[in-house]
Amino acid sequence: MTYTPNMSDISCKKRDDYLEWPEYFMAVAFLSAQRSKDPSSQVGACIVNTENKIVGIGYNGMPNGCSDDLLPWRRTAENKLDTKYPYGQARLGCKVVLKNCHL
């Protein structure tokens, strides 16, 4: 005769091999970076508040509304306007206050 355990015999203990918050948020940032079309670097970010809630995610790319087919992807050029930096870096000039958040 074979013993078949009933539900009361099976442990109802929570898993202990889950991702900690920092690993989870880094995974979200890593996944976001995969959206970047930049041929030389892919960078993602995940902004989190003190309650461990994601309040923003993003990646390096051209600003909204700009065609990534029309703007340059070069890292260096004689004329700085022929590189990606004046366009993709434009968002760094925008200041956003995110109270009680961390990156």
PDB file of N, CA and C in Angstrom:
ATOM      1  N   MET A   1       0.842  -1.177   0.000  1.00  0.00           N
ATOM      2  CA  MET A   1       0.000   0.000   0.000  1.00  0.00           C
ATOM      3  C   MET A   1       0.890   1.244   0.000  1.00  0.00           C
ATOM      4  N   THR A   2       0.562   2.245  -0.844  1.00  0.00           N
ATOM      5  CA  THR A   2       1.333   3.461  -0.970  1.00  0.00           C
ATOM      6  C   THR A   2       0.697   4.567  -0.153  1.00  0.00           C
ATOM      7  N   TYR A   3       1.551   5.298   0.578  1.00  0.00           N
ATOM      8  CA  TYR A   3       1.068   6.422   1.387  1.00  0.00           C
ATOM      9  C   TYR A   3       0.975   7.666   0.511  1.00  0.00           C
ATOM     10  N   THR A   4      -0.151   8.321   0.496  1.00  0.00           N
ATOM     11  CA  THR A   4      -0.352   9.573  -0.219  1.00  0.00           C
ATOM     12  C   THR A   4      -0.597  10.664   0.815  1.00  0.00           C
ATOM     13  N   PRO A   5       0.286  11.656   0.869  1.00  0.00           N
ATOM     14  CA  PRO A   5       0.100  12.702   1.882  1.00  0.00           C
ATOM     15  C   PRO A   5      -1.110  13.569   1.565  1.00  0.00           C
ATOM     16  N   ASN A   6      -1.797  13.993   2.615  1.00  0.00           N
ATOM     17  CA  ASN A   6      -2.900  14.923   2.396  1.00  0.00           C
ATOM     18  C   ASN A   6      -2.367  16.353   2.559  1.00  0.00           C
ATOM     19  N   MET A   7      -3.169  17.345   2.282  1.00  0.00           N
ATOM     20  CA  MET A   7      -2.722  18.737   2.291  1.00  0.00           C
ATOM     21  C   MET A   7      -2.190  19.171   3.650  1.00  0.00           C
ATOM     22  N   SER A   8      -2.671  18.620   4.723  1.00  0.00           N
ATOM     23  CA  SER A   8      -2.195  19.029   6.049  1.00  0.00           C
ATOM     24  C   SER A   8      -0.779  18.512   6.326  1.00  0.00           C
ATOM     25  N   ASP A   9      -0.325  17.509   5.567  1.00  0.00           N
ATOM     26  CA  ASP A   9       1.027  16.980   5.743  1.00  0.00           C
ATOM     27  C   ASP A   9       2.073  17.788   4.974  1.00  0.00           C
ATOM     28  N   ILE A  10       1.642  18.562   3.984  1.00  0.00           N
ATOM     29  CA  ILE A  10       2.567  19.327   3.162  1.00  0.00           C
ATOM     30  C   ILE A  10       2.855  20.665   3.836  1.00  0.00           C
ATOM     31  N   SER A  11       4.122  21.021   3.914  1.00  0.00           N
ATOM     32  CA  SER A  11       4.525  22.270   4.557  1.00  0.00           C
ATOM     33  C   SER A  11       3.961  23.467   3.805  1.00  0.00           C
ATOM     34  N   CYS A  12       3.433  24.405   4.535  1.00  0.00           N
ATOM     35  CA  CYS A  12       2.909  25.637   3.947  1.00  0.00           C
ATOM     36  C   CYS A  12       3.853  26.785   4.270  1.00  0.00           C
ATOM     37  N   LYS A  13       5.118  26.543   4.084  1.00  0.00           N
ATOM     38  CA  LYS A  13       6.152  27.523   4.372  1.00  0.00           C
ATOM     39  C   LYS A  13       6.422  28.351   3.116  1.00  0.00           C
ATOM     40  N   LYS A  14       6.681  29.639   3.312  1.00  0.00           N
ATOM     41  CA  LYS A  14       6.963  30.493   2.154  1.00  0.00           C
ATOM     42  C   LYS A  14       8.314  30.130   1.548  1.00  0.00           C
ATOM     43  N   ARG A  15       8.468  30.470   0.274  1.00  0.00           N
ATOM     44  CA  ARG A  15       9.739  30.248  -0.414  1.00  0.00           C
ATOM     45  C   ARG A  15      10.812  31.118   0.219  1.00  0.00           C
ATOM     46  N   ASP A  16      12.033  30.620   0.212  1.00  0.00           N
ATOM     47  CA  ASP A  16      13.136  31.436   0.721  1.00  0.00           C
ATOM     48  C   ASP A  16      14.188  31.714  -0.359  1.00  0.00           C
ATOM     49  N   ASP A  17      13.863  31.371  -1.607  1.00  0.00           N
ATOM     50  CA  ASP A  17      14.811  31.604  -2.700  1.00  0.00           C
ATOM     51  C   ASP A  17      14.317  32.701  -3.652  1.00  0.00           C
ATOM     52  N   TYR A  18      13.562  33.647  -3.137  1.00  0.00           N
ATOM     53  CA  TYR A  18      13.042  34.747  -3.946  1.00  0.00           C
ATOM     54  C   TYR A  18      14.086  35.865  -4.047  1.00  0.00           C
ATOM     55  N   LEU A  19      13.895  36.765  -5.025  1.00  0.00           N
ATOM     56  CA  LEU A  19      14.798  37.904  -5.196  1.00  0.00           C
ATOM     57  C   LEU A  19      14.585  38.924  -4.078  1.00  0.00           C
ATOM     58  N   GLU A  20      15.687  39.431  -3.555  1.00  0.00           N
ATOM     59  CA  GLU A  20      15.605  40.556  -2.614  1.00  0.00           C
ATOM     60  C   GLU A  20      15.280  41.803  -3.434  1.00  0.00           C
ATOM     61  N   TRP A  21      14.810  42.872  -2.768  1.00  0.00           N
ATOM     62  CA  TRP A  21      14.417  44.087  -3.486  1.00  0.00           C
ATOM     63  C   TRP A  21      15.521  44.634  -4.390  1.00  0.00           C
ATOM     64  N   PRO A  22      16.761  44.788  -3.910  1.00  0.00           N
ATOM     65  CA  PRO A  22      17.790  45.346  -4.806  1.00  0.00           C
ATOM     66  C   PRO A  22      18.006  44.507  -6.070  1.00  0.00           C
ATOM     67  N   GLU A  23      18.010  43.193  -5.946  1.00  0.00           N
ATOM     68  CA  GLU A  23      18.176  42.323  -7.112  1.00  0.00           C
ATOM     69  C   GLU A  23      16.992  42.459  -8.072  1.00  0.00           C
ATOM     70  N   TYR A  24      15.808  42.571  -7.518  1.00  0.00           N
ATOM     71  CA  TYR A  24      14.600  42.728  -8.333  1.00  0.00           C
ATOM     72  C   TYR A  24      14.669  44.029  -9.137  1.00  0.00           C
ATOM     73  N   PHE A  25      15.017  45.138  -8.473  1.00  0.00           N
ATOM     74  CA  PHE A  25      15.068  46.428  -9.152  1.00  0.00           C
ATOM     75  C   PHE A  25      16.201  46.469 -10.184  1.00  0.00           C
ATOM     76  N   MET A  26      17.325  45.831  -9.885  1.00  0.00           N
ATOM     77  CA  MET A  26      18.404  45.759 -10.868  1.00  0.00           C
ATOM     78  C   MET A  26      17.974  44.942 -12.089  1.00  0.00           C
ATOM     79  N   ALA A  27      17.194  43.895 -11.874  1.00  0.00           N
ATOM     80  CA  ALA A  27      16.695  43.092 -12.994  1.00  0.00           C
ATOM     81  C   ALA A  27      15.760  43.916 -13.868  1.00  0.00           C
ATOM     82  N   VAL A  28      14.925  44.751 -13.260  1.00  0.00           N
ATOM     83  CA  VAL A  28      14.034  45.634 -14.011  1.00  0.00           C
ATOM     84  C   VAL A  28      14.870  46.618 -14.836  1.00  0.00           C
ATOM     85  N   ALA A  29      15.914  47.193 -14.223  1.00  0.00           N
ATOM     86  CA  ALA A  29      16.792  48.129 -14.946  1.00  0.00           C
ATOM     87  C   ALA A  29      17.496  47.415 -16.097  1.00  0.00           C
ATOM     88  N   PHE A  30      17.975  46.204 -15.859  1.00  0.00           N
ATOM     89  CA  PHE A  30      18.645  45.436 -16.901  1.00  0.00           C
ATOM     90  C   PHE A  30      17.687  45.165 -18.063  1.00  0.00           C
ATOM     91  N   LEU A  31      16.461  44.764 -17.752  1.00  0.00           N
ATOM     92  CA  LEU A  31      15.475  44.491 -18.789  1.00  0.00           C
ATOM     93  C   LEU A  31      15.144  45.764 -19.568  1.00  0.00           C
ATOM     94  N   SER A  32      15.031  46.896 -18.884  1.00  0.00           N
ATOM     95  CA  SER A  32      14.761  48.176 -19.548  1.00  0.00           C
ATOM     96  C   SER A  32      15.887  48.532 -20.513  1.00  0.00           C
ATOM     97  N   ALA A  33      17.122  48.250 -20.121  1.00  0.00           N
ATOM     98  CA  ALA A  33      18.270  48.564 -20.975  1.00  0.00           C
ATOM     99  C   ALA A  33      18.193  47.837 -22.311  1.00  0.00           C
ATOM    100  N   GLN A  34      17.516  46.717 -22.352  1.00  0.00           N
ATOM    101  CA  GLN A  34      17.411  45.945 -23.591  1.00  0.00           C
ATOM    102  C   GLN A  34      16.580  46.671 -24.645  1.00  0.00           C
ATOM    103  N   ARG A  35      15.848  47.733 -24.249  1.00  0.00           N
ATOM    104  CA  ARG A  35      15.084  48.542 -25.202  1.00  0.00           C
ATOM    105  C   ARG A  35      15.968  49.528 -25.958  1.00  0.00           C
ATOM    106  N   SER A  36      17.178  49.796 -25.462  1.00  0.00           N
ATOM    107  CA  SER A  36      18.064  50.772 -26.090  1.00  0.00           C
ATOM    108  C   SER A  36      18.492  50.305 -27.477  1.00  0.00           C
ATOM    109  N   LYS A  37      18.475  51.237 -28.421  1.00  0.00           N
ATOM    110  CA  LYS A  37      18.929  50.930 -29.777  1.00  0.00           C
ATOM    111  C   LYS A  37      20.356  51.413 -30.001  1.00  0.00           C
ATOM    112  N   ASP A  38      20.964  51.945 -28.965  1.00  0.00           N
ATOM    113  CA  ASP A  38      22.335  52.448 -29.041  1.00  0.00           C
ATOM    114  C   ASP A  38      23.272  51.268 -29.310  1.00  0.00           C
ATOM    115  N   PRO A  39      24.065  51.326 -30.380  1.00  0.00           N
ATOM    116  CA  PRO A  39      24.936  50.194 -30.705  1.00  0.00           C
ATOM    117  C   PRO A  39      26.129  50.031 -29.768  1.00  0.00           C
ATOM    118  N   SER A  40      26.470  51.075 -28.991  1.00  0.00           N
ATOM    119  CA  SER A  40      27.672  50.970 -28.162  1.00  0.00           C
ATOM    120  C   SER A  40      27.403  50.832 -26.669  1.00  0.00           C
ATOM    121  N   SER A  41      26.242  51.202 -26.202  1.00  0.00           N
ATOM    122  CA  SER A  41      25.956  51.035 -24.763  1.00  0.00           C
ATOM    123  C   SER A  41      24.454  50.943 -24.529  1.00  0.00           C
ATOM    124  N   GLN A  42      24.092  50.080 -23.611  1.00  0.00           N
ATOM    125  CA  GLN A  42      22.693  49.916 -23.232  1.00  0.00           C
ATOM    126  C   GLN A  42      22.604  50.133 -21.722  1.00  0.00           C
ATOM    127  N   VAL A  43      21.860  51.170 -21.338  1.00  0.00           N
ATOM    128  CA  VAL A  43      21.770  51.534 -19.926  1.00  0.00           C
ATOM    129  C   VAL A  43      20.301  51.617 -19.543  1.00  0.00           C
ATOM    130  N   GLY A  44      19.948  50.997 -18.423  1.00  0.00           N
ATOM    131  CA  GLY A  44      18.585  51.067 -17.915  1.00  0.00           C
ATOM    132  C   GLY A  44      18.577  51.641 -16.516  1.00  0.00           C
ATOM    133  N   ALA A  45      17.432  52.156 -16.109  1.00  0.00           N
ATOM    134  CA  ALA A  45      17.292  52.723 -14.770  1.00  0.00           C
ATOM    135  C   ALA A  45      15.931  52.349 -14.208  1.00  0.00           C
ATOM    136  N   CYS A  46      15.891  52.217 -12.903  1.00  0.00           N
ATOM    137  CA  CYS A  46      14.649  51.925 -12.188  1.00  0.00           C
ATOM    138  C   CYS A  46      14.616  52.831 -10.961  1.00  0.00           C
ATOM    139  N   ILE A  47      13.633  53.726 -10.888  1.00  0.00           N
ATOM    140  CA  ILE A  47      13.512  54.651  -9.767  1.00  0.00           C
ATOM    141  C   ILE A  47      12.462  54.094  -8.819  1.00  0.00           C
ATOM    142  N   VAL A  48      12.837  54.025  -7.530  1.00  0.00           N
ATOM    143  CA  VAL A  48      12.018  53.360  -6.519  1.00  0.00           C
ATOM    144  C   VAL A  48      11.805  54.290  -5.335  1.00  0.00           C
ATOM    145  N   ASN A  49      10.601  54.274  -4.755  1.00  0.00           N
ATOM    146  CA  ASN A  49      10.383  55.091  -3.565  1.00  0.00           C
ATOM    147  C   ASN A  49      10.703  54.286  -2.303  1.00  0.00           C
ATOM    148  N   THR A  50      10.534  54.903  -1.165  1.00  0.00           N
ATOM    149  CA  THR A  50      10.907  54.258   0.101  1.00  0.00           C
ATOM    150  C   THR A  50       9.998  53.085   0.461  1.00  0.00           C
ATOM    151  N   GLU A  51       8.876  52.948  -0.247  1.00  0.00           N
ATOM    152  CA  GLU A  51       7.972  51.808  -0.012  1.00  0.00           C
ATOM    153  C   GLU A  51       8.244  50.657  -0.981  1.00  0.00           C
ATOM    154  N   ASN A  52       9.399  50.717  -1.665  1.00  0.00           N
ATOM    155  CA  ASN A  52       9.781  49.708  -2.654  1.00  0.00           C
ATOM    156  C   ASN A  52       8.785  49.610  -3.808  1.00  0.00           C
ATOM    157  N   LYS A  53       8.231  50.738  -4.187  1.00  0.00           N
ATOM    158  CA  LYS A  53       7.334  50.815  -5.340  1.00  0.00           C
ATOM    159  C   LYS A  53       8.098  51.495  -6.479  1.00  0.00           C
ATOM    160  N   ILE A  54       8.016  50.931  -7.660  1.00  0.00           N
ATOM    161  CA  ILE A  54       8.666  51.526  -8.824  1.00  0.00           C
ATOM    162  C   ILE A  54       7.860  52.746  -9.252  1.00  0.00           C
ATOM    163  N   VAL A  55       8.541  53.895  -9.339  1.00  0.00           N
ATOM    164  CA  VAL A  55       7.875  55.118  -9.762  1.00  0.00           C
ATOM    165  C   VAL A  55       8.337  55.557 -11.148  1.00  0.00           C
ATOM    166  N   GLY A  56       9.352  54.903 -11.698  1.00  0.00           N
ATOM    167  CA  GLY A  56       9.796  55.215 -13.045  1.00  0.00           C
ATOM    168  C   GLY A  56      10.848  54.242 -13.524  1.00  0.00           C
ATOM    169  N   ILE A  57      10.836  53.978 -14.821  1.00  0.00           N
ATOM    170  CA  ILE A  57      11.872  53.169 -15.452  1.00  0.00           C
ATOM    171  C   ILE A  57      12.251  53.852 -16.769  1.00  0.00           C
ATOM    172  N   GLY A  58      13.444  53.596 -17.243  1.00  0.00           N
ATOM    173  CA  GLY A  58      13.859  54.189 -18.504  1.00  0.00           C
ATOM    174  C   GLY A  58      15.146  53.578 -19.008  1.00  0.00           C
ATOM    175  N   TYR A  59      15.560  54.039 -20.157  1.00  0.00           N
ATOM    176  CA  TYR A  59      16.784  53.542 -20.790  1.00  0.00           C
ATOM    177  C   TYR A  59      17.368  54.633 -21.661  1.00  0.00           C
ATOM    178  N   ASN A  60      18.631  54.466 -22.058  1.00  0.00           N
ATOM    179  CA  ASN A  60      19.256  55.469 -22.920  1.00  0.00           C
ATOM    180  C   ASN A  60      18.726  55.319 -24.347  1.00  0.00           C
ATOM    181  N   GLY A  61      18.238  56.417 -24.831  1.00  0.00           N
ATOM    182  CA  GLY A  61      17.694  56.440 -26.177  1.00  0.00           C
ATOM    183  C   GLY A  61      17.415  57.870 -26.583  1.00  0.00           C
ATOM    184  N   MET A  62      16.925  58.035 -27.769  1.00  0.00           N
ATOM    185  CA  MET A  62      16.600  59.366 -28.256  1.00  0.00           C
ATOM    186  C   MET A  62      15.359  59.887 -27.514  1.00  0.00           C
ATOM    187  N   PRO A  63      15.249  61.204 -27.383  1.00  0.00           N
ATOM    188  CA  PRO A  63      14.079  61.781 -26.705  1.00  0.00           C
ATOM    189  C   PRO A  63      12.781  61.412 -27.427  1.00  0.00           C
ATOM    190  N   ASN A  64      11.685  61.390 -26.676  1.00  0.00           N
ATOM    191  CA  ASN A  64      10.383  61.102 -27.264  1.00  0.00           C
ATOM    192  C   ASN A  64      10.106  62.056 -28.421  1.00  0.00           C
ATOM    193  N   GLY A  65       9.556  61.527 -29.482  1.00  0.00           N
ATOM    194  CA  GLY A  65       9.217  62.339 -30.632  1.00  0.00           C
ATOM    195  C   GLY A  65      10.327  62.464 -31.658  1.00  0.00           C
ATOM    196  N   CYS A  66      11.535  62.041 -31.321  1.00  0.00           N
ATOM    197  CA  CYS A  66      12.660  62.095 -32.262  1.00  0.00           C
ATOM    198  C   CYS A  66      12.836  60.720 -32.894  1.00  0.00           C
ATOM    199  N   SER A  67      12.932  60.696 -34.198  1.00  0.00           N
ATOM    200  CA  SER A  67      13.129  59.432 -34.890  1.00  0.00           C
ATOM    201  C   SER A  67      14.553  58.942 -34.662  1.00  0.00           C
ATOM    202  N   ASP A  68      14.684  57.733 -34.184  1.00  0.00           N
ATOM    203  CA  ASP A  68      16.027  57.188 -33.972  1.00  0.00           C
ATOM    204  C   ASP A  68      16.651  56.719 -35.292  1.00  0.00           C
ATOM    205  N   ASP A  69      15.914  56.837 -36.391  1.00  0.00           N
ATOM    206  CA  ASP A  69      16.473  56.533 -37.709  1.00  0.00           C
ATOM    207  C   ASP A  69      17.113  57.761 -38.341  1.00  0.00           C
ATOM    208  N   LEU A  70      16.719  58.962 -37.887  1.00  0.00           N
ATOM    209  CA  LEU A  70      17.209  60.196 -38.496  1.00  0.00           C
ATOM    210  C   LEU A  70      18.389  60.809 -37.750  1.00  0.00           C
ATOM    211  N   LEU A  71      18.511  60.521 -36.468  1.00  0.00           N
ATOM    212  CA  LEU A  71      19.577  61.120 -35.670  1.00  0.00           C
ATOM    213  C   LEU A  71      20.798  60.202 -35.637  1.00  0.00           C
ATOM    214  N   PRO A  72      21.989  60.770 -35.440  1.00  0.00           N
ATOM    215  CA  PRO A  72      23.223  59.966 -35.482  1.00  0.00           C
ATOM    216  C   PRO A  72      23.419  59.104 -34.232  1.00  0.00           C
ATOM    217  N   TRP A  73      24.139  57.991 -34.400  1.00  0.00           N
ATOM    218  CA  TRP A  73      24.487  57.104 -33.282  1.00  0.00           C
ATOM    219  C   TRP A  73      25.990  57.097 -33.018  1.00  0.00           C
ATOM    220  N   ARG A  74      26.744  57.941 -33.710  1.00  0.00           N
ATOM    221  CA  ARG A  74      28.206  57.962 -33.535  1.00  0.00           C
ATOM    222  C   ARG A  74      28.595  58.452 -32.145  1.00  0.00           C
ATOM    223  N   ARG A  75      29.722  57.937 -31.659  1.00  0.00           N
ATOM    224  CA  ARG A  75      30.282  58.410 -30.379  1.00  0.00           C
ATOM    225  C   ARG A  75      31.212  59.597 -30.596  1.00  0.00           C
ATOM    226  N   THR A  76      31.893  59.623 -31.735  1.00  0.00           N
ATOM    227  CA  THR A  76      32.832  60.717 -32.038  1.00  0.00           C
ATOM    228  C   THR A  76      32.610  61.186 -33.471  1.00  0.00           C
ATOM    229  N   ALA A  77      32.886  62.464 -33.682  1.00  0.00           N
ATOM    230  CA  ALA A  77      32.815  63.062 -35.020  1.00  0.00           C
ATOM    231  C   ALA A  77      33.478  64.432 -34.945  1.00  0.00           C
ATOM    232  N   GLU A  78      33.855  64.965 -36.103  1.00  0.00           N
ATOM    233  CA  GLU A  78      34.450  66.303 -36.124  1.00  0.00           C
ATOM    234  C   GLU A  78      33.491  67.333 -35.556  1.00  0.00           C
ATOM    235  N   ASN A  79      32.259  67.251 -35.990  1.00  0.00           N
ATOM    236  CA  ASN A  79      31.218  68.160 -35.500  1.00  0.00           C
ATOM    237  C   ASN A  79      30.417  67.436 -34.424  1.00  0.00           C
ATOM    238  N   LYS A  80      30.351  68.000 -33.232  1.00  0.00           N
ATOM    239  CA  LYS A  80      29.648  67.356 -32.115  1.00  0.00           C
ATOM    240  C   LYS A  80      28.176  67.058 -32.444  1.00  0.00           C
ATOM    241  N   LEU A  81      27.581  67.859 -33.331  1.00  0.00           N
ATOM    242  CA  LEU A  81      26.185  67.622 -33.719  1.00  0.00           C
ATOM    243  C   LEU A  81      26.011  66.346 -34.530  1.00  0.00           C
ATOM    244  N   ASP A  82      27.115  65.780 -34.998  1.00  0.00           N
ATOM    245  CA  ASP A  82      27.061  64.516 -35.733  1.00  0.00           C
ATOM    246  C   ASP A  82      27.248  63.309 -34.811  1.00  0.00           C
ATOM    247  N   THR A  83      27.197  63.529 -33.507  1.00  0.00           N
ATOM    248  CA  THR A  83      27.256  62.437 -32.525  1.00  0.00           C
ATOM    249  C   THR A  83      25.900  62.302 -31.841  1.00  0.00           C
ATOM    250  N   LYS A  84      25.753  61.258 -31.073  1.00  0.00           N
ATOM    251  CA  LYS A  84      24.487  60.999 -30.372  1.00  0.00           C
ATOM    252  C   LYS A  84      24.296  61.873 -29.136  1.00  0.00           C
ATOM    253  N   TYR A  85      25.371  62.437 -28.622  1.00  0.00           N
ATOM    254  CA  TYR A  85      25.311  63.072 -27.304  1.00  0.00           C
ATOM    255  C   TYR A  85      24.415  64.302 -27.182  1.00  0.00           C
ATOM    256  N   PRO A  86      24.388  65.223 -28.136  1.00  0.00           N
ATOM    257  CA  PRO A  86      23.509  66.384 -27.942  1.00  0.00           C
ATOM    258  C   PRO A  86      22.025  66.012 -27.912  1.00  0.00           C
ATOM    259  N   TYR A  87      21.671  64.859 -28.463  1.00  0.00           N
ATOM    260  CA  TYR A  87      20.273  64.469 -28.580  1.00  0.00           C
ATOM    261  C   TYR A  87      19.840  63.562 -27.427  1.00  0.00           C
ATOM    262  N   GLY A  88      20.564  62.491 -27.217  1.00  0.00           N
ATOM    263  CA  GLY A  88      20.216  61.557 -26.144  1.00  0.00           C
ATOM    264  C   GLY A  88      20.437  62.127 -24.765  1.00  0.00           C
ATOM    265  N   GLN A  89      21.378  63.063 -24.630  1.00  0.00           N
ATOM    266  CA  GLN A  89      21.681  63.646 -23.330  1.00  0.00           C
ATOM    267  C   GLN A  89      20.727  64.779 -22.972  1.00  0.00           C
ATOM    268  N   ALA A  90      19.862  65.174 -23.885  1.00  0.00           N
ATOM    269  CA  ALA A  90      18.975  66.314 -23.634  1.00  0.00           C
ATOM    270  C   ALA A  90      18.128  66.105 -22.393  1.00  0.00           C
ATOM    271  N   ARG A  91      17.738  64.882 -22.146  1.00  0.00           N
ATOM    272  CA  ARG A  91      16.867  64.630 -20.994  1.00  0.00           C
ATOM    273  C   ARG A  91      17.595  64.826 -19.663  1.00  0.00           C
ATOM    274  N   LEU A  92      18.938  64.779 -19.678  1.00  0.00           N
ATOM    275  CA  LEU A  92      19.675  65.010 -18.437  1.00  0.00           C
ATOM    276  C   LEU A  92      19.540  66.450 -17.966  1.00  0.00           C
ATOM    277  N   GLY A  93      19.235  67.350 -18.891  1.00  0.00           N
ATOM    278  CA  GLY A  93      19.056  68.747 -18.527  1.00  0.00           C
ATOM    279  C   GLY A  93      17.736  69.014 -17.825  1.00  0.00           C
ATOM    280  N   CYS A  94      16.823  68.089 -17.893  1.00  0.00           N
ATOM    281  CA  CYS A  94      15.518  68.252 -17.245  1.00  0.00           C
ATOM    282  C   CYS A  94      15.632  67.849 -15.783  1.00  0.00           C
ATOM    283  N   LYS A  95      15.200  68.726 -14.896  1.00  0.00           N
ATOM    284  CA  LYS A  95      15.257  68.396 -13.472  1.00  0.00           C
ATOM    285  C   LYS A  95      13.884  67.913 -13.021  1.00  0.00           C
ATOM    286  N   VAL A  96      13.865  66.749 -12.425  1.00  0.00           N
ATOM    287  CA  VAL A  96      12.635  66.205 -11.889  1.00  0.00           C
ATOM    288  C   VAL A  96      12.892  65.912 -10.418  1.00  0.00           C
ATOM    289  N   VAL A  97      12.043  66.396  -9.567  1.00  0.00           N
ATOM    290  CA  VAL A  97      12.184  66.143  -8.141  1.00  0.00           C
ATOM    291  C   VAL A  97      11.348  64.935  -7.772  1.00  0.00           C
ATOM    292  N   LEU A  98      12.012  63.916  -7.291  1.00  0.00           N
ATOM    293  CA  LEU A  98      11.339  62.702  -6.846  1.00  0.00           C
ATOM    294  C   LEU A  98      11.624  62.552  -5.351  1.00  0.00           C
ATOM    295  N   LYS A  99      10.706  63.011  -4.556  1.00  0.00           N
ATOM    296  CA  LYS A  99      10.888  62.986  -3.117  1.00  0.00           C
ATOM    297  C   LYS A  99      10.829  61.545  -2.587  1.00  0.00           C
ATOM    298  N   ASN A 100      11.745  61.219  -1.690  1.00  0.00           N
ATOM    299  CA  ASN A 100      11.797  59.908  -1.034  1.00  0.00           C
ATOM    300  C   ASN A 100      11.981  58.761  -2.012  1.00  0.00           C
ATOM    301  N   CYS A 101      12.785  58.959  -3.057  1.00  0.00           N
ATOM    302  CA  CYS A 101      13.061  57.915  -4.033  1.00  0.00           C
ATOM    303  C   CYS A 101      14.550  57.699  -4.160  1.00  0.00           C
ATOM    304  N   HIS A 102      14.908  56.542  -4.673  1.00  0.00           N
ATOM    305  CA  HIS A 102      16.318  56.265  -4.952  1.00  0.00           C
ATOM    306  C   HIS A 102      16.428  55.531  -6.275  1.00  0.00           C
ATOM    307  N   LEU A 103      17.600  55.647  -6.889  1.00  0.00           N
ATOM    308  CA  LEU A 103      17.861  55.046  -8.187  1.00  0.00           C
ATOM    309  C   LEU A 103      18.622  53.769  -8.005  1.00  0.00           C
TER     310      LEU A 103
END
